[in-house]
Amino acid sequence: MHFHCVQGRYTNMINIQVVYALPNNPTIIDCEVEEQSNVLQAITKSNILSLCQIKLDEHLIGIYGKRCDLNELVKNGDRIEIYRPLINDPKEIRRRKAAQKR
């Protein structure tokens, strides 16, 4: 953690990662954000949305595998993960298999 001058005031800066993992092609961006940044601000600052052409409203978000809200504050060292939508719902797959056995 270090300090950064923003508009005449010093603020603590923290290091985080933003991750979007496609099969065989993960995108991992190391990013420095202000200490009081929330998840949405950190994702926006990382520029991963335009880089990977992501529409955030179609994805779930988590920090180290645990779902979180976009307004949750990030901490130094956090790994923000953007989860891809499920192609096949596991519950629906089990229902279909059960129906085929009947």
Protein backbone atom coordinates (compact mmCIF):
# COMPACT_ATOMS: atom_id res chain seq x y z
CA MET A 1 0.00 0.00 0.00
CA HIS A 2 1.24 3.47 -0.78
CA PHE A 3 -0.05 7.02 -1.11
CA HIS A 4 -1.16 8.84 -4.22
CA CYS A 5 -2.03 12.51 -4.61
CA VAL A 6 -5.54 13.04 -6.05
CA GLN A 7 -6.87 16.58 -6.43
CA GLY A 8 -4.51 17.96 -3.81
CA ARG A 9 -5.16 15.27 -1.20
CA TYR A 10 -3.20 12.12 -0.47
CA THR A 11 -5.04 8.83 -0.50
CA ASN A 12 -4.00 5.25 0.21
CA MET A 13 -3.69 3.07 -2.86
CA ILE A 14 -4.15 -0.71 -2.76
CA ASN A 15 -3.36 -3.51 -5.21
CA ILE A 16 -6.09 -5.83 -6.47
CA GLN A 17 -6.64 -8.26 -9.34
CA VAL A 18 -9.61 -8.45 -11.68
CA VAL A 19 -10.13 -11.81 -13.38
CA TYR A 20 -12.35 -13.07 -16.21
CA ALA A 21 -11.67 -16.67 -17.14
CA LEU A 22 -12.73 -18.05 -20.48
CA PRO A 23 -11.94 -21.70 -21.17
CA ASN A 24 -8.20 -21.92 -21.91
CA ASN A 25 -7.86 -18.11 -21.93
CA PRO A 26 -7.96 -16.31 -18.57
CA THR A 27 -7.63 -12.53 -18.44
CA ILE A 28 -5.95 -11.36 -15.24
CA ILE A 29 -5.41 -7.65 -14.67
CA ASP A 30 -3.36 -6.28 -11.79
CA CYS A 31 -4.76 -2.90 -10.82
CA GLU A 32 -4.11 -0.17 -8.30
CA VAL A 33 -7.19 1.55 -6.83
CA GLU A 34 -7.95 3.97 -4.03
CA GLU A 35 -8.42 2.31 -0.64
CA GLN A 36 -12.13 3.21 -0.39
CA SER A 37 -13.00 1.84 -3.86
CA ASN A 38 -15.88 -0.56 -4.29
CA VAL A 39 -15.98 -3.60 -6.56
CA LEU A 40 -17.65 -1.73 -9.44
CA GLN A 41 -15.09 1.08 -9.31
CA ALA A 42 -12.24 -1.43 -9.31
CA ILE A 43 -13.69 -3.37 -12.26
CA THR A 44 -14.20 -0.13 -14.18
CA LYS A 45 -10.67 1.09 -13.47
CA SER A 46 -9.18 -2.22 -14.66
CA ASN A 47 -10.75 -1.68 -18.11
CA ILE A 48 -11.55 -5.41 -18.30
CA LEU A 49 -15.14 -4.73 -19.42
CA SER A 50 -14.11 -3.23 -22.75
CA LEU A 51 -11.04 -5.45 -23.11
CA CYS A 52 -13.11 -8.65 -22.87
CA GLN A 53 -16.36 -7.13 -24.21
CA ILE A 54 -18.25 -7.96 -21.00
CA LYS A 55 -21.75 -6.75 -20.18
CA LEU A 56 -21.58 -6.70 -16.41
CA ASP A 57 -25.33 -7.09 -15.89
CA GLU A 58 -25.09 -10.58 -17.45
CA HIS A 59 -22.48 -11.84 -14.98
CA LEU A 60 -22.11 -12.64 -11.30
CA ILE A 61 -19.20 -11.20 -9.33
CA GLY A 62 -17.16 -12.60 -6.47
CA ILE A 63 -14.03 -12.10 -4.44
CA TYR A 64 -11.93 -15.26 -4.06
CA GLY A 65 -14.85 -17.49 -5.05
CA LYS A 66 -17.41 -15.90 -2.72
CA ARG A 67 -20.23 -13.92 -4.35
CA CYS A 68 -20.30 -10.21 -3.54
CA ASP A 69 -22.19 -7.03 -4.38
CA LEU A 70 -20.80 -4.37 -6.68
CA ASN A 71 -20.90 -1.81 -3.86
CA GLU A 72 -18.73 -3.92 -1.51
CA LEU A 73 -15.42 -2.25 -0.64
CA VAL A 74 -12.27 -3.95 -1.88
CA LYS A 75 -9.27 -4.70 0.32
CA ASN A 76 -5.59 -4.82 -0.51
CA GLY A 77 -4.80 -8.07 -2.33
CA ASP A 78 -8.43 -8.90 -3.28
CA ARG A 79 -9.03 -10.94 -6.42
CA ILE A 80 -12.29 -9.83 -8.05
CA GLU A 81 -13.71 -12.56 -10.26
CA ILE A 82 -16.26 -12.05 -13.03
CA TYR A 83 -18.13 -15.31 -13.50
CA ARG A 84 -19.34 -16.46 -16.91
CA PRO A 85 -23.02 -17.37 -17.23
CA LEU A 86 -23.73 -21.09 -16.95
CA ILE A 87 -24.27 -22.73 -20.32
CA ASN A 88 -26.03 -25.69 -18.73
CA ASP A 89 -27.78 -25.41 -15.39
CA PRO A 90 -26.67 -28.41 -13.26
CA LYS A 91 -30.16 -28.74 -11.74
CA GLU A 92 -31.74 -28.89 -15.19
CA ILE A 93 -29.24 -31.55 -16.33
CA ARG A 94 -30.14 -33.74 -13.31
CA ARG A 95 -33.87 -33.30 -14.04
CA ARG A 96 -33.42 -34.40 -17.65
CA LYS A 97 -31.37 -37.45 -16.64
CA ALA A 98 -33.99 -38.44 -14.06
CA ALA A 99 -36.78 -38.04 -16.61
CA GLN A 100 -34.93 -40.26 -19.12
CA LYS A 101 -34.63 -43.07 -16.57
CA ARG A 102 -38.41 -43.26 -16.16
